[in-house]
Structure formats: C-alpha cells, structure tokens
C-alpha cells in the first residue's frame, strides 16, 4: 500500500472515530423539545452538577467518556452529585449500565444539603449482598430503597453490560418508578401507607425525610462502578 492510500485510510479511520463519539453525545428530538424536555448532562462536562452538600464539584471520583458519566473508584471517593437546579413536578429519564456487583441509586426530595431522600435503588440483584436484605425486596433494583419493593412481575432487567432505562414521574405527592418502559412501583408521599413503610425503614428517625416540596436530583456514588447517559427531565 502506497503512502497516499495509507494516509487516506488513517484519515478515514479518524473521521469515523470522531463521528462515532459525536453520535454518542446526548441530544433531544424535535418532539422531545416541543414536549418540554431538557438535558441535565451535556455528555462532555459536569456543568449543572455540584456535590450533594452544595459545594462545587471538581470531577473527583467520576469521569466522562463518549457521552457517558461514570463513577470512577480509581480516582478516590468523589461523593454523591446533584443537579444545581431543583425540581418538584417532573418526569425524569436516565439510562444506566450495571457492572457485576454494582450498588447505586437516583434520589429526589432530599433533605437540604444532604444525600437523604427518596431513592430509586440501582443494584446488581444477583451479585450484591445488599439486594438480599430489607423487607420483601425493598433493597432490590427499582425499589424505593429500604421502604417499598417493586412489582417483580412487571420488572424486566437487561443483562449486565447492557443499557437499561429509568423514569421517575412525580406529580404532587404521587411518584412512579418505571424500568425499561414498565411501571414497577407507585406511592403517595405523606399517605398513611407511605408513613407506615417509613416507620418500618432505616429512615424512621430522620426528621423531615421525604417531605421536601422540591429538591435537586441526585446520582449516588457508592464506591462501585456505574454508568449513566441520556440524563433528561421535563417539568410537569
């Protein structure tokens, strides 16, 4: 192969690599924009995110690569991160990919400047021991962590290494957990049934737990590798 052809193939390879990376960056369709969706992660920077205690986030303990934000334990403990904006009535969507033994979560309705709030549990049910604890599966994937279990008949999880989708819908006191297009749990914050479950949980003595009218959305850093992409929200 002559030098000109070699240079051409190298250039084509680099071009394809750039296109591939760009294709993985998050974007919204015209329909999504019309329906009020906005991106919470641009796929390139930590803009719009801060530490859960309200201090600036340097990126320690996390990394961004090809439009994906991941916990990076090799960089040390970075802590939970939250959106700089607060939300009340919303539909939130995020893709996640588990690795073997992953434990993480998405939280909302936080006690101010803390990581305490309603957690959509993200966990490798098969390999993380915490998934075996709790009451009736309330620490398993898609549960309201340590409070309410998901509907196992509706719960469909993709194999390790594949992307799953979470949606959390909040309207007033009503909250829904969705996994891969199926509703797996719903509850009414402040209801007698909700309070009963709180009283049976590890949060029973946390004053103001789950009572916030609005708060940031939190991505949990639990020392395990977890990958997130396509993070978006629309206000209802």
Protein backbone atom coordinates (compact mmCIF):
# COMPACT_ATOMS: atom_id res chain seq x y z
CA UNK A 1 0.00 0.00 0.00
CA UNK A 2 1.48 3.35 -1.02
CA UNK A 3 1.80 6.28 1.37
CA UNK A 4 -1.14 8.22 -0.10
CA UNK A 5 -3.53 5.29 0.35
CA UNK A 6 -2.24 4.66 3.86
CA UNK A 7 -2.78 8.30 4.81
CA UNK A 8 -6.27 8.17 3.34
CA UNK A 9 -7.24 5.11 5.38
CA UNK A 10 -5.85 6.69 8.56
CA UNK A 11 -7.79 9.89 7.90
CA UNK A 12 -10.98 7.92 7.23
CA UNK A 13 -10.48 5.98 10.44
CA UNK A 14 -10.04 9.15 12.48
CA UNK A 15 -13.10 10.70 10.83
CA UNK A 16 -15.22 7.65 11.64
CA UNK A 17 -13.98 7.72 15.24
CA UNK A 18 -14.99 11.37 15.61
CA UNK A 19 -18.42 10.67 14.09
CA UNK A 20 -18.85 7.69 16.43
CA UNK A 21 -18.04 9.79 19.50
CA UNK A 22 -20.30 12.61 18.40
CA UNK A 23 -23.12 10.16 17.74
CA UNK A 24 -22.98 9.04 21.38
CA UNK A 25 -23.40 12.52 22.84
CA UNK A 26 -26.87 13.16 24.28
CA UNK A 27 -29.41 15.03 22.21
CA UNK A 28 -33.12 15.72 22.14
CA UNK A 29 -35.51 15.09 19.28
CA UNK A 30 -37.72 17.90 17.98
CA UNK A 31 -40.68 16.15 19.60
CA UNK A 32 -38.92 15.99 22.98
CA UNK A 33 -38.02 19.67 22.80
CA UNK A 34 -41.62 20.52 21.91
CA UNK A 35 -42.80 18.46 24.90
CA UNK A 36 -40.54 20.37 27.28
CA UNK A 37 -37.61 18.01 27.75
CA UNK A 38 -34.20 19.46 28.66
CA UNK A 39 -30.84 17.75 29.06
CA UNK A 40 -29.26 17.60 32.53
CA UNK A 41 -25.93 16.31 31.18
CA UNK A 42 -24.26 17.59 28.01
CA UNK A 43 -22.11 14.48 27.61
CA UNK A 44 -18.86 16.44 27.88
CA UNK A 45 -18.72 18.41 31.14
CA UNK A 46 -20.01 18.46 34.71
CA UNK A 47 -21.83 21.75 34.06
CA UNK A 48 -25.09 21.82 36.01
CA UNK A 49 -23.87 19.48 38.75
CA UNK A 50 -22.46 20.03 42.23
CA UNK A 51 -21.75 17.97 45.34
CA UNK A 52 -24.75 16.96 47.44
CA UNK A 53 -23.63 19.21 50.30
CA UNK A 54 -23.89 22.23 47.99
CA UNK A 55 -20.16 22.72 47.36
CA UNK A 56 -18.63 22.88 43.85
CA UNK A 57 -17.83 19.60 42.15
CA UNK A 58 -14.33 19.12 40.73
CA UNK A 59 -14.99 15.80 39.00
CA UNK A 60 -13.03 13.72 41.52
CA UNK A 61 -14.29 10.16 41.73
CA UNK A 62 -16.27 10.46 38.50
CA UNK A 63 -15.35 10.53 34.81
CA UNK A 64 -16.90 11.40 31.45
CA UNK A 65 -16.17 9.44 28.31
CA UNK A 66 -18.05 9.35 24.99
CA UNK A 67 -21.20 10.92 26.40
CA UNK A 68 -21.28 8.66 29.47
CA UNK A 69 -20.78 9.76 33.08
CA UNK A 70 -19.42 7.05 35.38
CA UNK A 71 -18.29 6.57 38.95
CA UNK A 72 -14.51 6.12 38.86
CA UNK A 73 -13.35 4.45 42.11
CA UNK A 74 -9.73 4.54 40.94
CA UNK A 75 -9.86 8.33 41.41
CA UNK A 76 -10.98 8.05 45.05
CA UNK A 77 -14.28 8.88 46.70
CA UNK A 78 -15.97 11.78 44.93
CA UNK A 79 -19.27 11.61 46.77
CA UNK A 80 -22.83 11.95 45.52
CA UNK A 81 -23.59 14.67 42.97
CA UNK A 82 -26.79 16.64 42.43
CA UNK A 83 -28.25 18.95 39.84
CA UNK A 84 -27.77 22.65 40.52
CA UNK A 85 -31.49 23.12 39.79
CA UNK A 86 -34.35 21.92 41.97
CA UNK A 87 -37.48 20.12 40.77
CA UNK A 88 -40.93 19.30 42.13
CA UNK A 89 -43.38 18.04 39.47
CA UNK A 90 -41.33 16.32 36.78
CA UNK A 91 -40.65 13.37 34.53
CA UNK A 92 -37.01 12.30 34.77
CA UNK A 93 -35.30 9.84 32.43
CA UNK A 94 -31.84 8.27 32.57
CA UNK A 95 -30.07 5.26 31.06
CA UNK A 96 -27.84 3.18 33.31
CA UNK A 97 -25.49 0.25 32.83
CA UNK A 98 -24.55 -2.09 35.66
CA UNK A 99 -21.30 -3.89 36.20
CA UNK A 100 -21.05 -7.02 38.35
CA UNK A 101 -21.77 -6.13 41.98
CA UNK A 102 -22.85 -2.52 41.32
CA UNK A 103 -24.77 -0.63 44.01
CA UNK A 104 -26.00 2.92 43.28
CA UNK A 105 -29.20 4.95 43.07
CA UNK A 106 -31.12 8.01 41.95
CA UNK A 107 -32.56 10.23 44.69
CA UNK A 108 -35.06 13.08 44.85
CA UNK A 109 -36.92 15.06 47.53
CA UNK A 110 -33.71 15.41 49.51
CA UNK A 111 -33.28 16.96 52.91
CA UNK A 112 -31.42 20.16 52.04
CA UNK A 113 -27.65 19.83 51.56
CA UNK A 114 -27.72 16.11 52.34
CA UNK A 115 -27.95 12.85 50.43
CA UNK A 116 -31.05 11.73 52.34
CA UNK A 117 -34.13 11.37 50.17
CA UNK A 118 -36.36 9.03 48.18
CA UNK A 119 -34.03 6.63 46.39
CA UNK A 120 -34.74 4.68 43.23
CA UNK A 121 -32.48 1.74 44.03
CA UNK A 122 -29.97 0.67 41.36
CA UNK A 123 -28.23 -2.58 42.20
CA UNK A 124 -27.00 -5.84 40.72
CA UNK A 125 -29.65 -8.07 42.32
CA UNK A 126 -27.73 -11.25 41.57
CA UNK A 127 -24.33 -10.31 42.94
CA UNK A 128 -24.57 -7.54 45.55
CA UNK A 129 -25.38 -8.79 49.09
CA UNK A 130 -27.45 -5.72 49.99
CA UNK A 131 -30.09 -6.83 47.49
CA UNK A 132 -30.82 -9.81 49.75
CA UNK A 133 -31.51 -7.59 52.78
CA UNK A 134 -34.52 -5.44 53.60
CA UNK A 135 -38.19 -6.43 53.65
CA UNK A 136 -39.83 -8.24 50.72
CA UNK A 137 -37.28 -6.99 48.22
CA UNK A 138 -37.25 -3.30 49.15
CA UNK A 139 -33.50 -3.11 48.53
CA UNK A 140 -33.62 -4.65 45.07
CA UNK A 141 -33.39 -2.88 41.72
CA UNK A 142 -36.20 -0.34 41.13
CA UNK A 143 -37.31 -0.36 44.77
CA UNK A 144 -37.89 2.76 46.82
CA UNK A 145 -34.78 1.89 48.78
CA UNK A 146 -35.45 0.22 52.15
CA UNK A 147 -39.06 1.40 52.01
CA UNK A 148 -41.12 -0.24 49.24
CA UNK A 149 -40.34 -3.10 46.83
CA UNK A 150 -41.02 -3.01 43.08
CA UNK A 151 -43.56 -5.18 41.30
CA UNK A 152 -41.45 -8.17 40.29
CA UNK A 153 -43.99 -9.30 37.69
CA UNK A 154 -43.52 -6.03 35.75
CA UNK A 155 -39.79 -5.69 36.31
CA UNK A 156 -37.69 -6.61 33.29
CA UNK A 157 -33.93 -6.10 33.59
CA UNK A 158 -31.39 -6.36 30.77
CA UNK A 159 -28.20 -8.41 31.27
CA UNK A 160 -25.06 -6.91 32.79
CA UNK A 161 -23.26 -4.73 30.27
CA UNK A 162 -26.46 -3.59 28.51
CA UNK A 163 -28.23 -0.27 28.93
CA UNK A 164 -31.45 -0.03 30.97
CA UNK A 165 -33.77 2.98 31.23
CA UNK A 166 -35.24 4.53 34.36
CA UNK A 167 -38.09 7.01 34.51
CA UNK A 168 -39.26 8.72 37.67
CA UNK A 169 -42.53 10.63 37.46
CA UNK A 170 -43.53 13.00 40.26
CA UNK A 171 -46.79 14.93 40.31
CA UNK A 172 -47.84 16.47 43.59
CA UNK A 173 -47.34 13.73 46.18
CA UNK A 174 -47.71 10.92 43.63
CA UNK A 175 -44.46 9.24 42.50
CA UNK A 176 -43.92 6.44 39.99
CA UNK A 177 -40.88 4.25 39.28
CA UNK A 178 -40.51 2.93 35.72
CA UNK A 179 -37.94 0.45 34.41
CA UNK A 180 -37.47 -0.24 30.71
CA UNK A 181 -40.88 1.12 29.81
CA UNK A 182 -42.83 -0.68 32.57
CA UNK A 183 -44.24 0.89 35.72
CA UNK A 184 -42.91 -1.13 38.65
CA UNK A 185 -43.88 0.98 41.69
CA UNK A 186 -46.05 3.93 42.69
CA UNK A 187 -46.63 5.64 46.01
CA UNK A 188 -48.11 8.75 47.61
CA UNK A 189 -45.67 10.68 49.75
CA UNK A 190 -47.25 11.59 53.06
CA UNK A 191 -50.03 9.00 52.86
CA UNK A 192 -50.75 6.71 55.80
CA UNK A 193 -49.39 3.75 53.84
CA UNK A 194 -46.21 5.65 52.98
CA UNK A 195 -45.72 6.72 56.60
CA UNK A 196 -46.18 3.10 57.71
CA UNK A 197 -43.41 1.95 55.40
CA UNK A 198 -41.14 4.79 56.55
CA UNK A 199 -41.72 3.77 60.17
CA UNK A 200 -40.50 0.26 59.31
CA UNK A 201 -37.40 1.51 57.48
CA UNK A 202 -33.91 2.72 58.42
CA UNK A 203 -35.17 6.29 57.92
CA UNK A 204 -37.78 6.20 60.69
CA UNK A 205 -35.84 8.64 62.87
CA UNK A 206 -34.80 11.04 60.09
CA UNK A 207 -36.75 14.24 60.71
CA UNK A 208 -38.25 15.66 57.52
CA UNK A 209 -37.42 12.59 55.44
CA UNK A 210 -39.23 12.61 52.04
CA UNK A 211 -41.13 15.80 52.97
CA UNK A 212 -39.34 18.27 50.68
CA UNK A 213 -41.59 20.03 48.19
CA UNK A 214 -38.71 20.30 45.71
CA UNK A 215 -35.05 19.38 45.54
CA UNK A 216 -32.20 18.55 43.18
CA UNK A 217 -31.88 15.13 41.53
CA UNK A 218 -29.01 13.06 42.94
CA UNK A 219 -26.71 10.48 41.35
CA UNK A 220 -25.24 8.24 44.02
CA UNK A 221 -21.56 7.38 44.35
CA UNK A 222 -21.40 4.14 46.32
CA UNK A 223 -17.76 3.17 45.55
CA UNK A 224 -18.98 0.82 42.78
CA UNK A 225 -18.66 1.48 39.05
CA UNK A 226 -21.95 2.65 37.48
CA UNK A 227 -22.51 4.25 34.09
CA UNK A 228 -25.16 6.87 33.20
CA UNK A 229 -26.15 8.56 29.94
CA UNK A 230 -29.05 10.44 28.31
CA UNK A 231 -29.99 12.27 31.51
CA UNK A 232 -33.01 14.48 30.88
CA UNK A 233 -36.06 15.96 32.56
CA UNK A 234 -39.27 17.78 31.79
CA UNK A 235 -41.24 19.87 34.22
CA UNK A 236 -44.89 18.85 34.55
